[in-house]
Amino acid sequence: METRMGELSGRLSERVRFEGRDEVRGEAGDRVSGWTPRFERWALVEPVRRADATADRGEAVQSARRWRITIRGGVRPTLAMRIRWRGETLRPTAIEVDPATPDRIVVAAEDDDSRGSGDAA
């Protein structure tokens, strides 16, 4: 019989990278911030159904795409990090560690192009 970990590992088919923001001194002595890789993991990345578009002053408003990312435990993602996946930049919105399944971490995330602009992947 397959274990819970075995069931999860067979579904982790996407590579994701978690990055944290660092501040360093630039050549001119000014502060420059950038993103530094913290860890990479195999993940299960699933889309979360988008809320229906809503009308605001007669215009349709679309929300950012949302994702559920499941990774193995043993790391500590934070909401201040960003996630790089398939060239996309995702912003974590929630992190769930369920005591019933301590072998995994579920991260809710949404598209965030503002954190990716100007930074290398």
Protein backbone atom coordinates (compact mmCIF):
# COMPACT_ATOMS: atom_id res chain seq x y z
CA MET A 1 0.00 0.00 0.00
CA GLU A 2 1.33 3.44 -0.95
CA THR A 3 2.01 5.99 1.79
CA ARG A 4 0.75 9.55 1.86
CA MET A 5 4.22 10.79 0.93
CA GLY A 6 4.28 8.41 -2.03
CA GLU A 7 0.90 9.63 -3.18
CA LEU A 8 2.13 13.21 -3.03
CA SER A 9 5.52 12.66 -4.67
CA GLY A 10 3.94 11.14 -7.77
CA ARG A 11 2.02 14.39 -8.32
CA LEU A 12 4.92 16.85 -7.82
CA SER A 13 5.73 17.51 -11.46
CA GLU A 14 6.42 21.26 -11.61
CA ARG A 15 9.64 22.95 -10.48
CA VAL A 16 9.11 26.14 -8.46
CA ARG A 17 11.66 28.52 -6.95
CA PHE A 18 11.00 30.61 -3.84
CA GLU A 19 12.94 33.87 -3.71
CA GLY A 20 13.43 36.46 -0.99
CA ARG A 21 14.17 40.16 -1.36
CA ASP A 22 17.64 41.32 -0.36
CA GLU A 23 19.02 44.82 -0.03
CA VAL A 24 22.64 45.42 -0.95
CA ARG A 25 24.84 48.43 -1.61
CA GLY A 26 25.19 49.34 -5.27
CA GLU A 27 28.36 50.56 -6.99
CA ALA A 28 27.54 54.15 -6.05
CA GLY A 29 26.91 53.18 -2.42
CA ASP A 30 23.16 53.42 -2.81
CA ARG A 31 20.80 50.70 -1.64
CA VAL A 32 19.70 48.29 -4.32
CA SER A 33 17.17 45.57 -3.73
CA GLY A 34 16.88 42.35 -5.65
CA TRP A 35 15.55 38.84 -5.40
CA THR A 36 17.72 35.92 -4.27
CA PRO A 37 16.77 32.25 -4.57
CA ARG A 38 15.99 30.72 -1.16
CA PHE A 39 15.00 27.19 -2.21
CA GLU A 40 13.59 25.16 -5.11
CA ARG A 41 11.07 22.35 -4.82
CA TRP A 42 9.06 19.99 -6.96
CA ALA A 43 5.43 21.03 -6.64
CA LEU A 44 1.87 20.32 -7.58
CA VAL A 45 0.56 23.56 -9.11
CA GLU A 46 -3.21 23.74 -9.53
CA PRO A 47 -5.29 26.67 -10.77
CA VAL A 48 -7.94 27.98 -8.40
CA ARG A 49 -11.20 28.82 -10.12
CA ARG A 50 -11.39 32.53 -10.83
CA ALA A 51 -14.19 34.49 -9.29
CA ASP A 52 -16.60 35.70 -11.90
CA ALA A 53 -15.72 39.07 -13.38
CA THR A 54 -17.52 41.90 -11.66
CA ALA A 55 -18.73 45.19 -13.02
CA ASP A 56 -17.31 48.45 -11.74
CA ARG A 57 -18.80 51.55 -13.34
CA GLY A 58 -19.82 49.48 -16.32
CA GLU A 59 -16.37 47.96 -16.87
CA ALA A 60 -15.51 44.31 -16.38
CA VAL A 61 -12.85 43.76 -13.73
CA GLN A 62 -10.72 40.62 -13.84
CA SER A 63 -8.94 39.30 -10.79
CA ALA A 64 -5.42 37.92 -10.93
CA ARG A 65 -5.06 34.23 -11.69
CA ARG A 66 -4.86 32.23 -8.50
CA TRP A 67 -2.91 29.07 -7.80
CA ARG A 68 -2.65 26.35 -5.13
CA ILE A 69 0.95 25.15 -4.83
CA THR A 70 1.70 22.02 -2.81
CA ILE A 71 5.30 21.26 -1.83
CA ARG A 72 6.99 18.90 0.60
CA GLY A 73 7.66 20.18 4.11
CA GLY A 74 11.10 20.92 5.50
CA VAL A 75 11.24 24.51 4.24
CA ARG A 76 9.74 27.74 5.51
CA PRO A 77 8.11 29.83 2.81
CA THR A 78 6.88 33.28 3.86
CA LEU A 79 4.40 35.78 2.48
CA ALA A 80 7.31 38.18 1.81
CA MET A 81 8.77 35.78 -0.77
CA ARG A 82 7.89 35.45 -4.40
CA ILE A 83 7.55 32.25 -6.41
CA ARG A 84 8.98 31.76 -9.89
CA TRP A 85 7.25 29.14 -12.02
CA ARG A 86 7.38 28.68 -15.80
CA GLY A 87 8.69 32.23 -16.21
CA GLU A 88 5.79 33.65 -14.17
CA THR A 89 6.07 35.56 -10.91
CA LEU A 90 3.57 34.57 -8.24
CA ARG A 91 2.85 36.30 -4.92
CA PRO A 92 2.02 34.07 -1.94
CA THR A 93 -1.25 35.10 -0.28
CA ALA A 94 -1.54 32.32 2.33
CA ILE A 95 0.57 29.45 3.65
CA GLU A 96 -1.02 26.39 5.23
CA VAL A 97 0.72 23.69 7.22
CA ASP A 98 -1.81 21.11 8.36
CA PRO A 99 -0.72 19.03 11.39
CA ALA A 100 -2.62 16.09 9.85
CA THR A 101 -0.29 16.20 6.81
CA PRO A 102 3.05 17.54 8.10
CA ASP A 103 4.86 16.23 5.01
CA ARG A 104 3.40 19.02 2.86
CA ILE A 105 2.91 22.76 2.70
CA VAL A 106 0.14 24.37 0.66
CA VAL A 107 0.75 27.89 -0.61
CA ALA A 108 -2.04 29.99 -2.09
CA ALA A 109 -0.62 32.42 -4.65
CA GLU A 110 -1.68 34.78 -7.38
CA ASP A 111 -0.04 36.35 -10.41
CA ASP A 112 2.10 39.33 -9.53
CA ASP A 113 3.86 40.98 -12.42
CA SER A 114 4.77 43.99 -10.26
CA ARG A 115 7.27 41.93 -8.24
CA GLY A 116 8.84 40.53 -11.38
CA SER A 117 9.40 43.67 -13.40
CA GLY A 118 13.04 44.37 -14.01
CA ASP A 119 14.28 41.29 -12.19
CA ALA A 120 15.91 38.32 -13.83
CA ALA A 121 14.13 34.99 -13.57
